[in-house]
Each structure stands twice: as structure tokens, then as C-alpha cells.
Protein backbone atom coordinates (compact mmCIF):
# COMPACT_ATOMS: atom_id res chain seq x y z
CA MET A 1 38.63 136.61 67.07
CA SER A 2 38.59 139.22 69.88
CA ARG A 3 35.35 139.12 72.27
CA PRO A 4 33.15 141.61 72.69
CA SER A 5 32.88 144.06 75.43
CA SER A 6 31.94 147.26 76.52
CA ILE A 7 32.38 150.38 79.29
CA PRO A 8 30.47 150.02 82.10
CA ILE A 9 28.31 153.24 83.13
CA PRO A 10 28.23 153.86 87.06
CA ARG A 11 25.07 152.53 88.49
CA PRO A 12 22.27 152.51 87.58
CA LEU A 13 23.72 153.21 84.07
CA PHE A 14 25.05 149.68 83.90
CA ILE A 15 23.79 147.47 80.92
CA PRO A 16 25.27 143.75 80.93
CA LEU A 17 27.60 143.28 77.85
CA PHE A 18 25.12 140.75 76.32
CA LEU A 19 22.29 143.42 75.67
CA PHE A 20 25.01 145.72 74.13
CA ALA A 21 25.89 143.26 71.88
CA ALA A 22 22.51 141.91 70.64
CA ALA A 23 21.45 145.67 70.49
CA ILE A 24 24.43 146.38 67.57
CA SER A 25 23.99 142.77 66.13
CA ALA A 26 20.43 143.72 65.74
CA ALA A 27 21.02 147.07 64.35
CA CYS A 28 23.94 145.30 61.93
CA GLY A 29 22.17 142.57 60.78
CA LYS A 30 25.37 140.29 61.26
CA GLY A 31 26.67 138.34 64.02
CA LYS A 32 28.33 139.17 67.32
CA PRO A 33 30.54 142.70 66.79
CA ALA A 34 33.90 142.85 67.58
CA LEU A 35 34.34 145.37 70.06
CA LYS A 36 36.99 147.25 71.58
CA PRO A 37 36.76 148.53 75.16
CA VAL A 38 36.63 152.15 76.02
CA PRO A 39 37.51 153.67 79.34
CA GLN A 40 34.68 154.55 81.72
CA ALA A 41 32.42 156.82 80.77
CA ALA A 42 31.09 159.54 83.41
CA VAL A 43 27.63 161.14 83.62
CA VAL A 44 28.00 164.93 83.87
CA TYR A 45 24.67 166.38 83.57
CA ASP A 46 20.96 164.22 84.27
CA ASP A 47 17.62 166.36 84.22
CA ASP A 48 14.63 166.66 83.05
CA ALA A 49 13.16 170.20 83.91
CA GLY A 50 12.96 171.14 79.96
CA GLY A 51 16.16 172.75 78.98
CA VAL A 52 16.20 170.76 76.13
CA ARG A 53 13.10 170.48 74.44
CA ASP A 54 13.80 167.96 71.43
CA SER A 55 14.94 164.61 70.63
CA LEU A 56 18.60 165.13 70.28
CA ARG A 57 22.07 162.72 69.72
CA LEU A 58 24.82 165.42 69.92
CA VAL A 59 28.64 164.65 70.13
CA VAL A 60 30.60 167.64 71.58
CA ARG A 61 33.99 168.15 70.69
CA ASP A 62 34.70 171.68 72.42
CA ALA A 63 33.97 173.79 75.06
CA ALA A 64 32.32 176.71 72.80
CA ALA A 65 29.64 173.54 71.75
CA LEU A 66 29.09 172.54 75.15
CA GLY A 67 29.38 175.82 76.51
CA SER A 68 25.91 176.51 74.71
CA LEU A 69 24.74 172.95 75.43
CA TRP A 70 25.12 173.65 78.57
CA ARG A 71 23.57 176.98 78.57
CA ASN A 72 20.32 175.38 77.02
CA ALA A 73 19.99 172.16 79.02
CA THR A 74 20.58 174.11 82.51
CA ARG A 75 17.64 176.93 81.48
CA GLY A 76 15.32 175.63 83.20
CA GLN A 77 17.41 175.89 86.90
CA SER A 78 17.05 178.95 88.47
CA ALA A 79 20.28 178.82 89.71
CA PRO A 80 22.63 176.40 87.40
CA LEU A 81 26.07 175.03 87.93
CA PRO A 82 28.58 175.97 85.33
CA PRO A 83 29.49 173.52 83.00
CA PRO A 84 31.65 170.97 83.86
CA GLN A 85 35.84 170.89 83.26
CA VAL A 86 36.25 168.97 79.70
CA ASP A 87 39.65 168.43 78.45
CA PHE A 88 38.69 168.58 74.70
CA ARG A 89 42.01 167.15 73.82
CA ARG A 90 41.52 163.98 75.83
CA GLU A 91 37.44 164.00 75.88
CA MET A 92 34.62 164.44 74.55
CA VAL A 93 30.73 164.84 75.53
CA LEU A 94 27.66 162.53 74.02
CA ALA A 95 24.36 164.39 74.35
CA VAL A 96 21.32 163.10 74.63
CA ALA A 97 17.60 164.02 74.82
CA ALA A 98 14.18 162.32 74.36
CA GLY A 99 11.89 165.62 73.72
CA ARG A 100 8.27 166.21 75.15
CA MET A 101 7.98 162.41 77.66
CA SER A 102 5.90 161.76 80.60
CA ALA A 103 7.14 161.83 84.22
CA ASN A 104 8.30 158.04 84.68
CA ASP A 105 10.13 158.41 81.14
CA ARG A 106 13.90 158.25 81.01
CA ILE A 107 16.71 158.47 78.30
CA ARG A 108 20.43 157.59 79.00
CA VAL A 109 23.60 156.95 77.24
CA ASP A 110 23.92 152.97 78.38
CA SER A 111 26.97 151.54 77.11
CA VAL A 112 29.87 152.94 74.85
CA GLY A 113 31.98 150.68 72.75
CA VAL A 114 34.16 150.54 69.79
CA ARG A 115 33.66 148.38 67.10
CA LYS A 116 34.58 147.57 63.25
CA GLU A 117 32.44 147.95 60.93
CA PRO A 118 31.95 147.79 56.68
CA GLY A 119 32.26 151.58 54.88
CA ALA A 120 30.69 152.49 51.69
CA ASP A 121 33.94 151.63 50.30
CA GLY A 122 33.75 147.95 51.66
CA LYS A 123 37.11 148.66 53.79
CA MET A 124 36.47 148.05 57.48
CA ARG A 125 37.07 151.02 59.66
CA GLU A 126 36.39 151.54 63.67
CA VAL A 127 33.25 153.23 64.95
CA LEU A 128 31.97 154.11 68.45
CA SER A 129 29.04 152.84 69.23
CA VAL A 130 26.74 155.13 71.49
CA LEU A 131 23.70 152.81 73.18
CA VAL A 132 21.21 154.92 73.75
CA LEU A 133 18.26 153.58 76.36
CA THR A 134 14.80 155.12 76.73
CA THR A 135 12.54 153.66 79.19
CA GLN A 136 8.98 154.23 78.52
CA GLY A 137 7.40 155.07 82.06
CA CYS A 138 3.59 153.50 83.42
CA ARG A 139 2.05 156.71 82.17
CA THR A 140 0.50 157.37 85.54
CA PHE A 141 1.60 160.89 85.68
CA ALA A 142 0.66 162.98 82.55
CA THR A 143 3.06 165.76 83.92
CA PRO A 144 5.46 166.45 80.68
CA VAL A 145 9.27 166.35 81.35
CA PHE A 146 12.43 166.36 78.66
CA PRO A 147 14.99 164.41 79.92
CA VAL A 148 18.59 164.84 78.64
CA GLN A 149 21.76 163.26 79.89
CA LEU A 150 24.85 164.42 78.82
CA VAL A 151 27.89 162.01 79.56
CA ARG A 152 31.79 162.33 79.31
CA VAL A 153 33.78 159.74 77.32
CA PRO A 154 37.30 159.42 75.90
CA ARG A 155 37.42 161.53 72.90
CA TYR A 156 37.34 159.62 69.87
CA GLU A 157 38.05 161.12 66.15
CA GLY A 158 36.44 158.64 63.93
CA GLN A 159 32.52 157.87 63.39
CA VAL A 160 30.12 158.17 66.33
CA ARG A 161 26.83 155.93 66.16
CA PHE A 162 23.87 156.34 68.11
CA VAL A 163 22.23 152.38 68.64
CA GLU A 164 18.87 152.85 69.95
CA ARG A 165 17.08 150.59 72.61
CA ARG A 166 13.61 151.34 74.23
CA GLU A 167 12.28 149.28 77.12
CA GLN A 168 9.03 148.93 79.09
CA GLY A 169 9.33 150.61 82.90
CA GLU A 170 9.69 148.11 85.47
CA GLY A 171 6.07 147.67 87.24
CA CYS A 172 4.54 148.60 84.08
CA GLY A 173 2.08 145.76 83.02
CA ARG A 174 1.90 145.18 79.26
CA GLU A 175 -1.93 144.78 78.39
């Protein structure tokens, strides 16, 4: 049996392997998933200025879709940079956005891994699992933000499943 694994995302965007496996297990209701490692992902955009105002989980596999998403994501900037160069024959972009949140709230792609799961026909298939971490801050500021993150990963032609995980921000006491 293969050992579960995940790809690390550069600090501070790393989650220990056991948390990723636990989140996948909880989402599937089964034991530890068999994951195949995927090469390291790279964050290409991370902002909360309000370009993307809705909650979003998106897989971008072509330049036209990236251009549209990039214009939307950077529209709150006075002088936005051009979109990153992506070789869509070998790469794709994952986009996650949280909609309206408070100033200390964040969303990010925490880890990515390939695992096997049963399809509707009962046959096993590989799925790219993307663990999305939403952190709720302490709610000390009322200023609204609209967090969005774009991450470049190796191209995957199969199904992509976004797995959600929420946590309370550091230093926020539970009452």
C-alpha cells in the first residue's frame, strides 16, 4: 500500500501531511487515501483588494480564461501587472476566492495531491484533490476584504476536487 503524500506549498502555505490526509478522509468518509505526489505548486497571485467579489473555485486550463480571470482579480489595482506566463501544455492555474470577508480573514490553496476514488460506475479513478484552507480572523476590524489566490500547478487532465477546511485565526480565543 502506498503511503499518503502531498506537495508542499512555499511557507507560509504549507500544511503537514497528516492534516491533508485527515481532511481528505473526512470528506470521503473512508480510511487514509492513497495519494500520488504532485510537483510543487507556485502562488502567482494573492490579494484581497476586491477584484473577485464572489466565492470561487476554478481550474484554468487556457490563456484566454487566465486573461479574463486576471483582469477581474487585478481590477482593484491602480497599475496591475500583466498575467503570469503559463505553459498551458504542461501547467494550469487553480483559483480560489472567498467572497466578502473581514480584514483578518484569508483563503489559500494549502496542498494538492492525486488520489484514487471510486467513480459512479464503481471503477477507481484518479482525482486531483485541492485542499482549500479558509482562516477566519479575530473580527477586530470591520473593513471588508475579498481574498483571492491563484496557484500554478502541473497540468492535470482528470477531475479536480476542491476539499474545504476552515480554521480560527491564530490568537483568536473561542468564547
